C-alpha atoms as a PDB file:
ATOM      1  CA  MET A   1     -72.320   0.995  26.546  1.00  0.00           C
ATOM      2  CA  ALA A   2     -71.593   1.704  30.274  1.00  0.00           C
ATOM      3  CA  ASP A   3     -72.465   5.483  31.647  1.00  0.00           C
ATOM      4  CA  LEU A   4     -69.800   5.749  34.627  1.00  0.00           C
ATOM      5  CA  GLU A   5     -71.091   9.364  35.549  1.00  0.00           C
ATOM      6  CA  GLN A   6     -74.747   8.663  35.158  1.00  0.00           C
ATOM      7  CA  ALA A   7     -74.269   5.484  37.488  1.00  0.00           C
ATOM      8  CA  ARG A   8     -72.154   7.337  39.924  1.00  0.00           C
ATOM      9  CA  ALA A   9     -74.756  10.465  40.101  1.00  0.00           C
ATOM     10  CA  MET A  10     -77.739   7.856  40.770  1.00  0.00           C
ATOM     11  CA  LEU A  11     -76.115   5.861  43.427  1.00  0.00           C
ATOM     12  CA  ARG A  12     -75.223   9.470  45.052  1.00  0.00           C
ATOM     13  CA  MET A  13     -78.809   9.954  44.835  1.00  0.00           C
ATOM     14  CA  ALA A  14     -79.720   6.863  46.259  1.00  0.00           C
ATOM     15  CA  HIS A  15     -77.258   7.553  48.937  1.00  0.00           C
ATOM     16  CA  LYS A  16     -79.734  10.696  49.882  1.00  0.00           C
ATOM     17  CA  ASP A  17     -82.366   8.373  50.303  1.00  0.00           C
ATOM     18  CA  PHE A  18     -80.797   5.823  52.151  1.00  0.00           C
ATOM     19  CA  ASN A  19     -79.667   8.829  54.461  1.00  0.00           C
ATOM     20  CA  ALA A  20     -83.492   9.664  55.118  1.00  0.00           C
ATOM     21  CA  LEU A  21     -83.956   5.929  56.439  1.00  0.00           C
ATOM     22  CA  ILE A  22     -81.075   6.539  58.682  1.00  0.00           C
ATOM     23  CA  GLY A  23     -82.766   9.370  59.862  1.00  0.00           C
ATOM     24  CA  MET A  24     -85.867   8.012  60.017  1.00  0.00           C
ATOM     25  CA  GLN A  25     -85.007   5.007  61.552  1.00  0.00           C
ATOM     26  CA  GLU A  26     -86.096   5.572  65.500  1.00  0.00           C
ATOM     27  CA  ASN A  27     -88.268   8.648  64.924  1.00  0.00           C
ATOM     28  CA  PRO A  28     -91.989   7.904  65.083  1.00  0.00           C
ATOM     29  CA  LEU A  29     -92.955  10.891  63.492  1.00  0.00           C
ATOM     30  CA  PHE A  30     -92.333   9.394  60.177  1.00  0.00           C
ATOM     31  CA  ALA A  31     -95.179   7.175  59.256  1.00  0.00           C
ATOM     32  CA  ASP A  32     -94.044   3.636  57.737  1.00  0.00           C
ATOM     33  CA  GLU A  33     -95.686   4.930  54.237  1.00  0.00           C
ATOM     34  CA  ILE A  34     -93.074   7.760  54.057  1.00  0.00           C
ATOM     35  CA  PHE A  35     -89.997   5.240  55.566  1.00  0.00           C
ATOM     36  CA  GLY A  36     -91.316   2.769  52.651  1.00  0.00           C
ATOM     37  CA  PHE A  37     -91.358   5.595  50.221  1.00  0.00           C
ATOM     38  CA  HIS A  38     -87.616   6.333  50.705  1.00  0.00           C
ATOM     39  CA  ILE A  39     -87.015   2.548  50.371  1.00  0.00           C
ATOM     40  CA  GLN A  40     -88.683   2.379  47.035  1.00  0.00           C
ATOM     41  CA  GLN A  41     -86.577   5.241  46.048  1.00  0.00           C
ATOM     42  CA  ALA A  42     -83.256   4.174  47.298  1.00  0.00           C
ATOM     43  CA  VAL A  43     -83.534   0.812  45.866  1.00  0.00           C
ATOM     44  CA  GLU A  44     -84.945   2.170  42.710  1.00  0.00           C
ATOM     45  CA  LYS A  45     -81.819   4.321  41.984  1.00  0.00           C
ATOM     46  CA  ALA A  46     -79.131   2.107  43.163  1.00  0.00           C
ATOM     47  CA  LEU A  47     -80.844  -0.628  40.318  1.00  0.00           C
ATOM     48  CA  LYS A  48     -80.948   1.846  37.789  1.00  0.00           C
ATOM     49  CA  ALA A  49     -77.329   3.198  38.621  1.00  0.00           C
ATOM     50  CA  TRP A  50     -76.429  -0.701  38.270  1.00  0.00           C
ATOM     51  CA  LEU A  51     -78.110  -1.112  34.896  1.00  0.00           C
ATOM     52  CA  CYS A  52     -76.575   2.226  34.029  1.00  0.00           C
ATOM     53  CA  ILE A  53     -72.835   0.621  34.503  1.00  0.00           C
ATOM     54  CA  ARG A  54     -73.641  -2.413  32.477  1.00  0.00           C
ATOM     55  CA  ASP A  55     -75.211  -0.960  29.767  1.00  0.00           C
ATOM     56  CA  GLY A  56     -75.785   2.505  29.580  1.00  0.00           C
ATOM     57  CA  VAL A  57     -79.768   2.604  29.995  1.00  0.00           C
ATOM     58  CA  TYR A  58     -82.599   2.081  32.091  1.00  0.00           C
ATOM     59  CA  PRO A  59     -86.356   2.143  31.640  1.00  0.00           C
ATOM     60  CA  MET A  60     -88.574   4.950  33.486  1.00  0.00           C
ATOM     61  CA  THR A  61     -90.218   3.223  35.785  1.00  0.00           C
ATOM     62  CA  HIS A  62     -90.758   2.669  39.471  1.00  0.00           C
ATOM     63  CA  GLU A  63     -91.408  -0.765  39.124  1.00  0.00           C
ATOM     64  CA  LEU A  64     -88.551  -2.592  41.149  1.00  0.00           C
ATOM     65  CA  ALA A  65     -89.358  -6.190  39.720  1.00  0.00           C
ATOM     66  CA  ARG A  66     -88.976  -4.706  36.381  1.00  0.00           C
ATOM     67  CA  LEU A  67     -85.561  -3.102  37.138  1.00  0.00           C
ATOM     68  CA  LEU A  68     -84.622  -6.335  38.719  1.00  0.00           C
ATOM     69  CA  ALA A  69     -85.554  -8.794  36.005  1.00  0.00           C
ATOM     70  CA  LEU A  70     -83.401  -6.592  33.537  1.00  0.00           C
ATOM     71  CA  LEU A  71     -80.236  -7.384  35.939  1.00  0.00           C
ATOM     72  CA  GLU A  72     -81.551 -10.941  35.978  1.00  0.00           C
ATOM     73  CA  ASN A  73     -81.776 -11.099  32.169  1.00  0.00           C
ATOM     74  CA  GLN A  74     -78.418  -9.538  31.832  1.00  0.00           C
ATOM     75  CA  GLY A  75     -76.840 -12.466  33.732  1.00  0.00           C
ATOM     76  CA  VAL A  76     -76.726 -10.461  37.372  1.00  0.00           C
ATOM     77  CA  GLU A  77     -77.286 -12.724  40.702  1.00  0.00           C
ATOM     78  CA  MET A  78     -80.548 -10.584  42.016  1.00  0.00           C
ATOM     79  CA  GLU A  79     -82.091 -13.271  44.245  1.00  0.00           C
ATOM     80  CA  ALA A  80     -81.123 -11.696  47.544  1.00  0.00           C
ATOM     81  CA  TYR A  81     -82.646  -8.285  46.521  1.00  0.00           C
ATOM     82  CA  TRP A  82     -86.183  -9.512  45.333  1.00  0.00           C
ATOM     83  CA  PRO A  83     -87.485  -9.198  48.770  1.00  0.00           C
ATOM     84  CA  LEU A  84     -87.486  -5.581  48.108  1.00  0.00           C
ATOM     85  CA  VAL A  85     -90.092  -5.775  45.273  1.00  0.00           C
ATOM     86  CA  GLN A  86     -92.635  -5.378  48.115  1.00  0.00           C
ATOM     87  CA  TYR A  87     -91.700  -1.600  48.293  1.00  0.00           C
ATOM     88  CA  THR A  88     -92.826  -0.575  44.701  1.00  0.00           C
ATOM     89  CA  ILE A  89     -96.355   0.411  46.478  1.00  0.00           C
ATOM     90  CA  PHE A  90     -94.825   3.027  48.058  1.00  0.00           C
ATOM     91  CA  ALA A  91     -93.573   4.818  44.832  1.00  0.00           C
ATOM     92  CA  VAL A  92     -96.696   6.557  43.728  1.00  0.00           C
ATOM     93  CA  GLN A  93    -100.015   4.839  45.317  1.00  0.00           C
ATOM     94  CA  ALA A  94     -99.127   5.285  48.947  1.00  0.00           C
ATOM     95  CA  ARG A  95     -98.101   8.823  48.527  1.00  0.00           C
ATOM     96  CA  TYR A  96    -101.363   9.808  46.962  1.00  0.00           C
ATOM     97  CA  GLU A  97    -103.968   7.108  48.292  1.00  0.00           C
ATOM     98  CA  GLU A  98    -104.523   7.015  51.910  1.00  0.00           C
ATOM     99  CA  GLY A  99    -105.177   3.353  53.138  1.00  0.00           C
ATOM    100  CA  THR A 100    -103.216   1.695  50.008  1.00  0.00           C
ATOM    101  CA  THR A 101    -100.639   0.374  52.173  1.00  0.00           C
ATOM    102  CA  ASP A 102    -102.502  -0.814  55.263  1.00  0.00           C
ATOM    103  CA  LEU A 103     -99.556  -3.219  56.388  1.00  0.00           C
ATOM    104  CA  ASP A 104     -99.880  -6.106  58.187  1.00  0.00           C
ATOM    105  CA  GLU A 105     -97.273  -5.302  60.309  1.00  0.00           C
ATOM    106  CA  PRO A 106     -94.980  -2.020  60.887  1.00  0.00           C
ATOM    107  CA  ILE A 107     -91.692  -2.081  58.684  1.00  0.00           C
ATOM    108  CA  ASP A 108     -88.698  -3.658  60.539  1.00  0.00           C
ATOM    109  CA  ARG A 109     -86.664  -0.427  59.714  1.00  0.00           C
ATOM    110  CA  ALA A 110     -83.582  -1.311  61.235  1.00  0.00           C
ATOM    111  CA  MET A 111     -83.409  -4.531  59.033  1.00  0.00           C
ATOM    112  CA  GLU A 112     -84.743  -3.150  55.791  1.00  0.00           C
ATOM    113  CA  ILE A 113     -81.911  -0.411  56.351  1.00  0.00           C
ATOM    114  CA  GLN A 114     -79.244  -3.374  56.443  1.00  0.00           C
ATOM    115  CA  ASN A 115     -81.264  -4.543  53.430  1.00  0.00           C
ATOM    116  CA  VAL A 116     -80.915  -1.567  51.207  1.00  0.00           C
ATOM    117  CA  HIS A 117     -77.446  -0.926  52.750  1.00  0.00           C
ATOM    118  CA  ALA A 118     -76.317  -4.386  51.225  1.00  0.00           C
ATOM    119  CA  LEU A 119     -77.770  -3.375  47.662  1.00  0.00           C
ATOM    120  CA  LEU A 120     -75.801  -0.214  47.808  1.00  0.00           C
ATOM    121  CA  THR A 121     -72.776  -1.476  48.993  1.00  0.00           C
ATOM    122  CA  GLN A 122     -73.066  -3.864  46.266  1.00  0.00           C
ATOM    123  CA  VAL A 123     -73.607  -1.315  43.481  1.00  0.00           C
ATOM    124  CA  GLU A 124     -70.662   0.705  44.881  1.00  0.00           C
ATOM    125  CA  GLN A 125     -68.447  -2.179  44.372  1.00  0.00           C
ATOM    126  CA  VAL A 126     -69.810  -3.005  40.772  1.00  0.00           C
ATOM    127  CA  ILE A 127     -69.395   0.923  40.055  1.00  0.00           C
ATOM    128  CA  ALA A 128     -65.658   0.838  41.223  1.00  0.00           C
ATOM    129  CA  SER A 129     -64.816  -2.192  39.656  1.00  0.00           C
ATOM    130  CA  GLN A 130     -66.225  -0.926  36.326  1.00  0.00           C
ATOM    131  CA  GLY A 131     -64.328   2.659  37.045  1.00  0.00           C
ATOM    132  CA  LYS A 132     -61.312   0.912  37.479  1.00  0.00           C
ATOM    133  CA  ALA A 133     -61.516  -1.289  34.081  1.00  0.00           C
ATOM    134  CA  LEU A 134     -62.072   1.908  32.101  1.00  0.00           C
ATOM    135  CA  GLU A 135     -59.184   3.934  33.543  1.00  0.00           C
END
Protein backbone atom coordinates (compact mmCIF):
# COMPACT_ATOMS: atom_id res chain seq x y z
CA MET A 1 0.00 0.00 0.00
CA ALA A 2 1.28 3.45 -0.91
CA ASP A 3 2.71 5.61 1.84
CA LEU A 4 2.02 9.13 0.63
CA GLU A 5 3.50 10.95 3.64
CA GLN A 6 6.72 8.92 3.58
CA ALA A 7 7.04 9.50 -0.16
CA ARG A 8 6.63 13.24 0.33
CA ALA A 9 9.21 13.23 3.14
CA MET A 10 11.74 11.34 1.01
CA LEU A 11 11.18 13.76 -1.86
CA ARG A 12 11.72 16.76 0.43
CA MET A 13 15.05 15.23 1.50
CA ALA A 14 15.97 14.61 -2.15
CA HIS A 15 15.33 18.29 -2.84
CA LYS A 16 17.79 19.25 -0.09
CA ASP A 17 20.53 17.30 -1.87
CA PHE A 18 19.42 18.81 -5.18
CA ASN A 19 19.69 22.30 -3.68
CA ALA A 20 23.24 21.45 -2.59
CA LEU A 21 24.01 20.56 -6.22
CA ILE A 22 22.73 23.94 -7.35
CA GLY A 23 24.95 25.64 -4.79
CA MET A 24 28.00 23.67 -5.90
CA GLN A 25 27.46 23.97 -9.64
CA GLU A 26 29.82 26.88 -10.24
CA ASN A 27 31.91 26.57 -7.09
CA PRO A 28 35.32 24.93 -7.63
CA LEU A 29 35.81 24.55 -3.87
CA PHE A 30 33.62 21.45 -4.02
CA ALA A 31 35.37 18.38 -5.42
CA ASP A 32 33.56 16.15 -7.89
CA GLU A 33 33.40 13.49 -5.17
CA ILE A 34 31.27 15.81 -3.03
CA PHE A 35 29.12 16.82 -5.99
CA GLY A 36 28.75 13.16 -6.99
CA PHE A 37 27.74 12.23 -3.46
CA HIS A 38 24.84 14.69 -3.55
CA ILE A 39 23.79 13.41 -6.98
CA GLN A 40 23.70 9.89 -5.57
CA GLN A 41 21.79 10.99 -2.49
CA ALA A 42 19.18 12.99 -4.42
CA VAL A 43 18.63 10.11 -6.84
CA GLU A 44 18.48 7.47 -4.09
CA LYS A 45 15.92 9.44 -2.09
CA ALA A 46 13.83 10.24 -5.17
CA LEU A 47 13.74 6.58 -6.22
CA LYS A 48 12.82 5.53 -2.69
CA ALA A 49 10.01 8.12 -2.70
CA TRP A 50 8.78 6.61 -5.97
CA LEU A 51 8.87 3.11 -4.51
CA CYS A 52 7.09 4.39 -1.41
CA ILE A 53 4.23 5.82 -3.42
CA ARG A 54 3.86 2.60 -5.39
CA ASP A 55 3.94 -0.03 -2.66
CA GLY A 56 4.95 1.69 0.56
CA VAL A 57 8.32 -0.01 0.95
CA TYR A 58 11.87 0.35 -0.25
CA PRO A 59 15.06 -1.54 0.61
CA MET A 60 17.76 -0.08 2.80
CA THR A 61 20.36 0.23 0.05
CA HIS A 62 22.49 2.85 -1.64
CA GLU A 63 22.60 0.85 -4.89
CA LEU A 64 20.79 2.89 -7.51
CA ALA A 65 20.64 -0.07 -9.92
CA ARG A 66 18.68 -2.10 -7.38
CA LEU A 67 16.18 0.71 -6.86
CA LEU A 68 15.76 1.28 -10.59
CA ALA A 69 15.30 -2.45 -11.19
CA LEU A 70 12.61 -2.65 -8.51
CA LEU A 71 10.66 0.10 -10.23
CA GLU A 72 11.13 -1.52 -13.63
CA ASN A 73 9.89 -4.82 -12.20
CA GLN A 74 6.73 -2.96 -11.21
CA GLY A 75 6.25 -1.85 -14.81
CA VAL A 76 7.67 1.67 -14.52
CA GLU A 77 9.64 2.99 -17.51
CA MET A 78 13.07 3.84 -16.08
CA GLU A 79 15.31 3.89 -19.15
CA ALA A 80 16.01 7.63 -18.93
CA TYR A 81 17.38 7.28 -15.39
CA TRP A 82 19.77 4.33 -15.81
CA PRO A 83 22.77 6.58 -16.61
CA LEU A 84 22.54 7.89 -13.04
CA VAL A 85 23.63 4.46 -11.77
CA GLN A 86 27.24 5.53 -12.26
CA TYR A 87 26.89 7.71 -9.15
CA THR A 88 26.37 4.74 -6.83
CA ILE A 89 30.12 4.71 -6.23
CA PHE A 90 29.80 8.08 -4.51
CA ALA A 91 27.41 6.73 -1.87
CA VAL A 92 30.01 5.14 0.36
CA GLN A 93 33.35 4.40 -1.25
CA ALA A 94 34.06 7.90 -2.52
CA ARG A 95 33.53 9.40 0.91
CA TYR A 96 36.10 7.22 2.64
CA GLU A 97 38.57 5.95 0.06
CA GLU A 98 40.80 8.39 -1.73
CA GLY A 99 41.20 7.65 -5.42
CA THR A 100 38.22 5.30 -5.78
CA THR A 101 36.50 7.69 -8.14
CA ASP A 102 39.34 8.81 -10.34
CA LEU A 103 37.13 10.08 -13.13
CA ASP A 104 38.20 10.11 -16.76
CA GLU A 105 36.53 13.50 -17.07
CA PRO A 106 35.13 15.98 -14.58
CA ILE A 107 31.42 15.69 -13.90
CA ASP A 108 29.37 17.85 -16.23
CA ARG A 109 27.59 19.56 -13.38
CA ALA A 110 25.03 21.46 -15.44
CA MET A 111 24.02 18.31 -17.32
CA GLU A 112 23.72 16.20 -14.18
CA ILE A 113 21.67 18.88 -12.46
CA GLN A 114 19.28 18.68 -15.41
CA ASN A 115 19.17 14.88 -15.15
CA VAL A 116 18.46 14.92 -11.43
CA HIS A 117 15.88 17.67 -11.89
CA ALA A 118 14.08 15.55 -14.51
CA LEU A 119 13.89 12.64 -12.05
CA LEU A 120 12.65 14.85 -9.20
CA THR A 121 10.01 16.38 -11.47
CA GLN A 122 8.82 12.94 -12.52
CA VAL A 123 8.55 11.76 -8.92
CA GLU A 124 6.73 14.96 -7.94
CA GLN A 125 4.16 14.26 -10.67
CA VAL A 126 3.70 10.66 -9.54
CA ILE A 127 3.23 11.73 -5.93
CA ALA A 128 0.81 14.52 -6.90
CA SER A 129 -1.32 12.19 -8.99
CA GLN A 130 -1.30 9.52 -6.28
CA GLY A 131 -2.22 12.13 -3.68
CA LYS A 132 -5.22 13.20 -5.75
CA ALA A 133 -6.27 9.57 -6.21
CA LEU A 134 -6.18 9.01 -2.44
CA GLU A 135 -8.26 12.12 -1.65
